[in-house]
Amino acid sequence: MAGEQKITIGFRGQTLPVRATPDQVTELIGALGNGQTGWYDLKTDDGSIFLDLGKVEYVRTDAHEQRVGFGLG
């Protein structure tokens, strides 16, 4: 998936690391912010992840760009 972002979804004492597009992350956070409950289908390049929104405690986004190599800049 081009333009993926690493996020971590937190549940009662457990975490789930996921790679998703910025649009998918925005939609998930919007659903949580609007107080949606029930199951949410987060589609990723690896398949669907069905989340019980009532059990999600936090979503952490990774703000650092991932780089490969030894170059500076």
PDB file of N, CA and C in Angstrom:
ATOM      1  N   MET A   1       0.833  -1.164   0.000  1.00  0.00           N
ATOM      2  CA  MET A   1       0.000   0.000   0.000  1.00  0.00           C
ATOM      3  C   MET A   1       0.883   1.233   0.000  1.00  0.00           C
ATOM      4  N   ALA A   2       0.733   2.095  -0.953  1.00  0.00           N
ATOM      5  CA  ALA A   2       1.545   3.306  -1.018  1.00  0.00           C
ATOM      6  C   ALA A   2       1.083   4.301   0.035  1.00  0.00           C
ATOM      7  N   GLY A   3       2.020   5.017   0.625  1.00  0.00           N
ATOM      8  CA  GLY A   3       1.682   6.037   1.609  1.00  0.00           C
ATOM      9  C   GLY A   3       1.174   5.475   2.914  1.00  0.00           C
ATOM     10  N   GLU A   4       1.623   4.301   3.282  1.00  0.00           N
ATOM     11  CA  GLU A   4       1.175   3.696   4.528  1.00  0.00           C
ATOM     12  C   GLU A   4       1.718   4.436   5.735  1.00  0.00           C
ATOM     13  N   GLN A   5       0.985   4.314   6.815  1.00  0.00           N
ATOM     14  CA  GLN A   5       1.356   4.917   8.081  1.00  0.00           C
ATOM     15  C   GLN A   5       1.280   3.829   9.139  1.00  0.00           C
ATOM     16  N   LYS A   6       2.236   3.826  10.045  1.00  0.00           N
ATOM     17  CA  LYS A   6       2.222   2.855  11.137  1.00  0.00           C
ATOM     18  C   LYS A   6       1.393   3.421  12.278  1.00  0.00           C
ATOM     19  N   ILE A   7       0.439   2.630  12.757  1.00  0.00           N
ATOM     20  CA  ILE A   7      -0.347   3.007  13.921  1.00  0.00           C
ATOM     21  C   ILE A   7      -0.345   1.839  14.900  1.00  0.00           C
ATOM     22  N   THR A   8      -0.637   2.149  16.150  1.00  0.00           N
ATOM     23  CA  THR A   8      -0.800   1.123  17.173  1.00  0.00           C
ATOM     24  C   THR A   8      -2.165   1.336  17.798  1.00  0.00           C
ATOM     25  N   ILE A   9      -2.962   0.282  17.813  1.00  0.00           N
ATOM     26  CA  ILE A   9      -4.297   0.340  18.400  1.00  0.00           C
ATOM     27  C   ILE A   9      -4.209  -0.337  19.759  1.00  0.00           C
ATOM     28  N   GLY A  10      -4.607   0.377  20.806  1.00  0.00           N
ATOM     29  CA  GLY A  10      -4.502  -0.136  22.168  1.00  0.00           C
ATOM     30  C   GLY A  10      -5.831  -0.632  22.701  1.00  0.00           C
ATOM     31  N   PHE A  11      -5.770  -1.801  23.310  1.00  0.00           N
ATOM     32  CA  PHE A  11      -6.913  -2.420  23.987  1.00  0.00           C
ATOM     33  C   PHE A  11      -6.482  -2.704  25.411  1.00  0.00           C
ATOM     34  N   ARG A  12      -7.364  -2.988  26.261  1.00  0.00           N
ATOM     35  CA  ARG A  12      -7.092  -3.263  27.674  1.00  0.00           C
ATOM     36  C   ARG A  12      -5.828  -4.091  27.878  1.00  0.00           C
ATOM     37  N   GLY A  13      -4.683  -3.416  27.967  1.00  0.00           N
ATOM     38  CA  GLY A  13      -3.430  -4.095  28.257  1.00  0.00           C
ATOM     39  C   GLY A  13      -2.738  -4.720  27.061  1.00  0.00           C
ATOM     40  N   GLN A  14      -3.317  -4.615  25.864  1.00  0.00           N
ATOM     41  CA  GLN A  14      -2.703  -5.206  24.684  1.00  0.00           C
ATOM     42  C   GLN A  14      -2.666  -4.177  23.561  1.00  0.00           C
ATOM     43  N   THR A  15      -1.742  -4.391  22.628  1.00  0.00           N
ATOM     44  CA  THR A  15      -1.646  -3.479  21.491  1.00  0.00           C
ATOM     45  C   THR A  15      -1.628  -4.276  20.188  1.00  0.00           C
ATOM     46  N   LEU A  16      -2.045  -3.605  19.128  1.00  0.00           N
ATOM     47  CA  LEU A  16      -2.066  -4.194  17.796  1.00  0.00           C
ATOM     48  C   LEU A  16      -1.403  -3.221  16.833  1.00  0.00           C
ATOM     49  N   PRO A  17      -0.173  -3.525  16.377  1.00  0.00           N
ATOM     50  CA  PRO A  17       0.472  -2.657  15.391  1.00  0.00           C
ATOM     51  C   PRO A  17      -0.108  -2.930  14.006  1.00  0.00           C
ATOM     52  N   VAL A  18      -0.383  -1.840  13.268  1.00  0.00           N
ATOM     53  CA  VAL A  18      -1.036  -1.943  11.965  1.00  0.00           C
ATOM     54  C   VAL A  18      -0.419  -0.924  11.019  1.00  0.00           C
ATOM     55  N   ARG A  19      -0.385  -1.249   9.731  1.00  0.00           N
ATOM     56  CA  ARG A  19       0.002  -0.293   8.702  1.00  0.00           C
ATOM     57  C   ARG A  19      -1.246  -0.013   7.876  1.00  0.00           C
ATOM     58  N   ALA A  20      -1.598   1.266   7.747  1.00  0.00           N
ATOM     59  CA  ALA A  20      -2.805   1.670   7.031  1.00  0.00           C
ATOM     60  C   ALA A  20      -2.543   2.985   6.312  1.00  0.00           C
ATOM     61  N   THR A  21      -3.392   3.315   5.356  1.00  0.00           N
ATOM     62  CA  THR A  21      -3.251   4.591   4.653  1.00  0.00           C
ATOM     63  C   THR A  21      -3.741   5.719   5.561  1.00  0.00           C
ATOM     64  N   PRO A  22      -3.293   6.939   5.320  1.00  0.00           N
ATOM     65  CA  PRO A  22      -3.782   8.072   6.126  1.00  0.00           C
ATOM     66  C   PRO A  22      -5.305   8.208   6.098  1.00  0.00           C
ATOM     67  N   ASP A  23      -5.937   7.918   4.962  1.00  0.00           N
ATOM     68  CA  ASP A  23      -7.403   7.992   4.886  1.00  0.00           C
ATOM     69  C   ASP A  23      -8.053   6.969   5.813  1.00  0.00           C
ATOM     70  N   GLN A  24      -7.502   5.768   5.859  1.00  0.00           N
ATOM     71  CA  GLN A  24      -8.038   4.735   6.737  1.00  0.00           C
ATOM     72  C   GLN A  24      -7.888   5.122   8.203  1.00  0.00           C
ATOM     73  N   VAL A  25      -6.748   5.721   8.530  1.00  0.00           N
ATOM     74  CA  VAL A  25      -6.504   6.162   9.908  1.00  0.00           C
ATOM     75  C   VAL A  25      -7.491   7.268  10.282  1.00  0.00           C
ATOM     76  N   THR A  26      -7.699   8.216   9.380  1.00  0.00           N
ATOM     77  CA  THR A  26      -8.642   9.316   9.622  1.00  0.00           C
ATOM     78  C   THR A  26     -10.052   8.780   9.835  1.00  0.00           C
ATOM     79  N   GLU A  27     -10.465   7.812   9.020  1.00  0.00           N
ATOM     80  CA  GLU A  27     -11.805   7.234   9.165  1.00  0.00           C
ATOM     81  C   GLU A  27     -11.958   6.507  10.498  1.00  0.00           C
ATOM     82  N   LEU A  28     -10.934   5.760  10.902  1.00  0.00           N
ATOM     83  CA  LEU A  28     -10.985   5.051  12.180  1.00  0.00           C
ATOM     84  C   LEU A  28     -11.080   6.029  13.339  1.00  0.00           C
ATOM     85  N   ILE A  29     -10.250   7.047  13.327  1.00  0.00           N
ATOM     86  CA  ILE A  29     -10.267   8.034  14.411  1.00  0.00           C
ATOM     87  C   ILE A  29     -11.596   8.788  14.421  1.00  0.00           C
ATOM     88  N   GLY A  30     -12.132   9.064  13.239  1.00  0.00           N
ATOM     89  CA  GLY A  30     -13.446   9.710  13.157  1.00  0.00           C
ATOM     90  C   GLY A  30     -14.546   8.853  13.758  1.00  0.00           C
ATOM     91  N   ALA A  31     -14.510   7.554  13.470  1.00  0.00           N
ATOM     92  CA  ALA A  31     -15.513   6.642  14.028  1.00  0.00           C
ATOM     93  C   ALA A  31     -15.411   6.607  15.552  1.00  0.00           C
ATOM     94  N   LEU A  32     -14.185   6.579  16.063  1.00  0.00           N
ATOM     95  CA  LEU A  32     -14.001   6.580  17.515  1.00  0.00           C
ATOM     96  C   LEU A  32     -14.444   7.905  18.125  1.00  0.00           C
ATOM     97  N   GLY A  33     -14.106   9.008  17.453  1.00  0.00           N
ATOM     98  CA  GLY A  33     -14.459  10.339  17.959  1.00  0.00           C
ATOM     99  C   GLY A  33     -15.953  10.613  17.945  1.00  0.00           C
ATOM    100  N   ASN A  34     -16.671   9.972  17.012  1.00  0.00           N
ATOM    101  CA  ASN A  34     -18.121  10.167  16.927  1.00  0.00           C
ATOM    102  C   ASN A  34     -18.886   9.256  17.880  1.00  0.00           C
ATOM    103  N   GLY A  35     -18.154   8.467  18.643  1.00  0.00           N
ATOM    104  CA  GLY A  35     -18.798   7.585  19.615  1.00  0.00           C
ATOM    105  C   GLY A  35     -19.429   6.352  19.009  1.00  0.00           C
ATOM    106  N   GLN A  36     -19.012   5.985  17.783  1.00  0.00           N
ATOM    107  CA  GLN A  36     -19.532   4.774  17.172  1.00  0.00           C
ATOM    108  C   GLN A  36     -19.196   3.573  18.041  1.00  0.00           C
ATOM    109  N   THR A  37     -20.079   2.608  18.056  1.00  0.00           N
ATOM    110  CA  THR A  37     -19.825   1.361  18.771  1.00  0.00           C
ATOM    111  C   THR A  37     -20.034   0.205  17.815  1.00  0.00           C
ATOM    112  N   GLY A  38     -19.710  -0.965  18.263  1.00  0.00           N
ATOM    113  CA  GLY A  38     -19.874  -2.147  17.429  1.00  0.00           C
ATOM    114  C   GLY A  38     -18.606  -2.433  16.645  1.00  0.00           C
ATOM    115  N   TRP A  39     -18.756  -3.262  15.634  1.00  0.00           N
ATOM    116  CA  TRP A  39     -17.614  -3.723  14.857  1.00  0.00           C
ATOM    117  C   TRP A  39     -17.278  -2.753  13.744  1.00  0.00           C
ATOM    118  N   TYR A  40     -15.983  -2.555  13.524  1.00  0.00           N
ATOM    119  CA  TYR A  40     -15.463  -1.665  12.481  1.00  0.00           C
ATOM    120  C   TYR A  40     -14.494  -2.476  11.621  1.00  0.00           C
ATOM    121  N   ASP A  41     -14.649  -2.384  10.311  1.00  0.00           N
ATOM    122  CA  ASP A  41     -13.802  -3.121   9.376  1.00  0.00           C
ATOM    123  C   ASP A  41     -12.683  -2.196   8.896  1.00  0.00           C
ATOM    124  N   LEU A  42     -11.482  -2.401   9.434  1.00  0.00           N
ATOM    125  CA  LEU A  42     -10.306  -1.645   9.007  1.00  0.00           C
ATOM    126  C   LEU A  42      -9.610  -2.463   7.938  1.00  0.00           C
ATOM    127  N   LYS A  43      -9.674  -1.987   6.699  1.00  0.00           N
ATOM    128  CA  LYS A  43      -9.065  -2.714   5.587  1.00  0.00           C
ATOM    129  C   LYS A  43      -7.603  -2.308   5.449  1.00  0.00           C
ATOM    130  N   THR A  44      -6.733  -3.302   5.406  1.00  0.00           N
ATOM    131  CA  THR A  44      -5.300  -3.068   5.229  1.00  0.00           C
ATOM    132  C   THR A  44      -4.822  -3.877   4.032  1.00  0.00           C
ATOM    133  N   ASP A  45      -3.579  -3.688   3.646  1.00  0.00           N
ATOM    134  CA  ASP A  45      -3.007  -4.426   2.544  1.00  0.00           C
ATOM    135  C   ASP A  45      -2.954  -5.925   2.853  1.00  0.00           C
ATOM    136  N   ASP A  46      -2.860  -6.259   4.133  1.00  0.00           N
ATOM    137  CA  ASP A  46      -2.796  -7.659   4.558  1.00  0.00           C
ATOM    138  C   ASP A  46      -4.178  -8.293   4.729  1.00  0.00           C
ATOM    139  N   GLY A  47      -5.230  -7.502   4.631  1.00  0.00           N
ATOM    140  CA  GLY A  47      -6.592  -8.015   4.811  1.00  0.00           C
ATOM    141  C   GLY A  47      -7.376  -7.119   5.749  1.00  0.00           C
ATOM    142  N   SER A  48      -8.535  -7.578   6.148  1.00  0.00           N
ATOM    143  CA  SER A  48      -9.400  -6.805   7.039  1.00  0.00           C
ATOM    144  C   SER A  48      -9.107  -7.128   8.493  1.00  0.00           C
ATOM    145  N   ILE A  49      -9.202  -6.100   9.316  1.00  0.00           N
ATOM    146  CA  ILE A  49      -9.112  -6.254  10.765  1.00  0.00           C
ATOM    147  C   ILE A  49     -10.436  -5.751  11.318  1.00  0.00           C
ATOM    148  N   PHE A  50     -11.161  -6.624  11.987  1.00  0.00           N
ATOM    149  CA  PHE A  50     -12.439  -6.242  12.563  1.00  0.00           C
ATOM    150  C   PHE A  50     -12.218  -5.848  14.017  1.00  0.00           C
ATOM    151  N   LEU A  51     -12.511  -4.583  14.317  1.00  0.00           N
ATOM    152  CA  LEU A  51     -12.269  -4.017  15.647  1.00  0.00           C
ATOM    153  C   LEU A  51     -13.586  -3.774  16.361  1.00  0.00           C
ATOM    154  N   ASP A  52     -13.647  -4.119  17.629  1.00  0.00           N
ATOM    155  CA  ASP A  52     -14.782  -3.746  18.471  1.00  0.00           C
ATOM    156  C   ASP A  52     -14.464  -2.355  19.007  1.00  0.00           C
ATOM    157  N   LEU A  53     -15.110  -1.345  18.448  1.00  0.00           N
ATOM    158  CA  LEU A  53     -14.772   0.044  18.790  1.00  0.00           C
ATOM    159  C   LEU A  53     -14.967   0.358  20.262  1.00  0.00           C
ATOM    160  N   GLY A  54     -15.870  -0.338  20.909  1.00  0.00           N
ATOM    161  CA  GLY A  54     -16.109  -0.110  22.331  1.00  0.00           C
ATOM    162  C   GLY A  54     -14.949  -0.539  23.214  1.00  0.00           C
ATOM    163  N   LYS A  55     -14.031  -1.329  22.677  1.00  0.00           N
ATOM    164  CA  LYS A  55     -12.897  -1.820  23.460  1.00  0.00           C
ATOM    165  C   LYS A  55     -11.581  -1.130  23.102  1.00  0.00           C
ATOM    166  N   VAL A  56     -11.605  -0.263  22.104  1.00  0.00           N
ATOM    167  CA  VAL A  56     -10.388   0.457  21.721  1.00  0.00           C
ATOM    168  C   VAL A  56     -10.144   1.576  22.727  1.00  0.00           C
ATOM    169  N   GLU A  57      -8.966   1.582  23.336  1.00  0.00           N
ATOM    170  CA  GLU A  57      -8.631   2.611  24.318  1.00  0.00           C
ATOM    171  C   GLU A  57      -7.839   3.761  23.712  1.00  0.00           C
ATOM    172  N   TYR A  58      -7.019   3.465  22.713  1.00  0.00           N
ATOM    173  CA  TYR A  58      -6.262   4.537  22.068  1.00  0.00           C
ATOM    174  C   TYR A  58      -5.769   4.107  20.702  1.00  0.00           C
ATOM    175  N   VAL A  59      -5.438   5.107  19.878  1.00  0.00           N
ATOM    176  CA  VAL A  59      -4.775   4.887  18.594  1.00  0.00           C
ATOM    177  C   VAL A  59      -3.564   5.812  18.575  1.00  0.00           C
ATOM    178  N   ARG A  60      -2.396   5.217  18.466  1.00  0.00           N
ATOM    179  CA  ARG A  60      -1.155   5.998  18.415  1.00  0.00           C
ATOM    180  C   ARG A  60      -0.643   5.986  16.979  1.00  0.00           C
ATOM    181  N   THR A  61      -0.323   7.175  16.465  1.00  0.00           N
ATOM    182  CA  THR A  61       0.219   7.263  15.119  1.00  0.00           C
ATOM    183  C   THR A  61       1.718   7.512  15.205  1.00  0.00           C
ATOM    184  N   ASP A  62       2.446   6.989  14.242  1.00  0.00           N
ATOM    185  CA  ASP A  62       3.887   7.158  14.169  1.00  0.00           C
ATOM    186  C   ASP A  62       4.170   8.360  13.279  1.00  0.00           C
ATOM    187  N   ALA A  63       4.720   9.408  13.849  1.00  0.00           N
ATOM    188  CA  ALA A  63       4.965  10.639  13.111  1.00  0.00           C
ATOM    189  C   ALA A  63       6.287  10.628  12.365  1.00  0.00           C
ATOM    190  N   HIS A  64       7.138   9.635  12.616  1.00  0.00           N
ATOM    191  CA  HIS A  64       8.456   9.608  11.995  1.00  0.00           C
ATOM    192  C   HIS A  64       8.410   8.886  10.657  1.00  0.00           C
ATOM    193  N   GLU A  65       9.041   9.488   9.692  1.00  0.00           N
ATOM    194  CA  GLU A  65       9.152   8.881   8.378  1.00  0.00           C
ATOM    195  C   GLU A  65      10.157   7.735   8.440  1.00  0.00           C
ATOM    196  N   GLN A  66       9.801   6.611   7.881  1.00  0.00           N
ATOM    197  CA  GLN A  66      10.714   5.464   7.850  1.00  0.00           C
ATOM    198  C   GLN A  66      11.711   5.646   6.711  1.00  0.00           C
ATOM    199  N   ARG A  67      12.994   5.420   6.979  1.00  0.00           N
ATOM    200  CA  ARG A  67      14.025   5.561   5.962  1.00  0.00           C
ATOM    201  C   ARG A  67      14.886   4.315   5.920  1.00  0.00           C
ATOM    202  N   VAL A  68      15.378   4.036   4.747  1.00  0.00           N
ATOM    203  CA  VAL A  68      16.277   2.907   4.556  1.00  0.00           C
ATOM    204  C   VAL A  68      17.571   3.443   3.987  1.00  0.00           C
ATOM    205  N   GLY A  69      18.690   3.005   4.512  1.00  0.00           N
ATOM    206  CA  GLY A  69      19.977   3.454   3.989  1.00  0.00           C
ATOM    207  C   GLY A  69      20.751   4.254   5.013  1.00  0.00           C
ATOM    208  N   PHE A  70      21.900   4.758   4.552  1.00  0.00           N
ATOM    209  CA  PHE A  70      22.804   5.454   5.460  1.00  0.00           C
ATOM    210  C   PHE A  70      22.957   6.911   5.110  1.00  0.00           C
ATOM    211  N   GLY A  71      22.240   7.414   4.150  1.00  0.00           N
ATOM    212  CA  GLY A  71      22.396   8.805   3.727  1.00  0.00           C
ATOM    213  C   GLY A  71      21.828   9.784   4.733  1.00  0.00           C
ATOM    214  N   LEU A  72      22.363  10.957   4.769  1.00  0.00           N
ATOM    215  CA  LEU A  72      21.849  12.030   5.608  1.00  0.00           C
ATOM    216  C   LEU A  72      20.955  12.903   4.759  1.00  0.00           C
ATOM    217  N   GLY A  73      19.947  13.439   5.396  1.00  0.00           N
ATOM    218  CA  GLY A  73      19.152  14.396   4.647  1.00  0.00           C
ATOM    219  C   GLY A  73      17.817  13.986   4.433  1.00  0.00           C
TER     220      GLY A  73
END
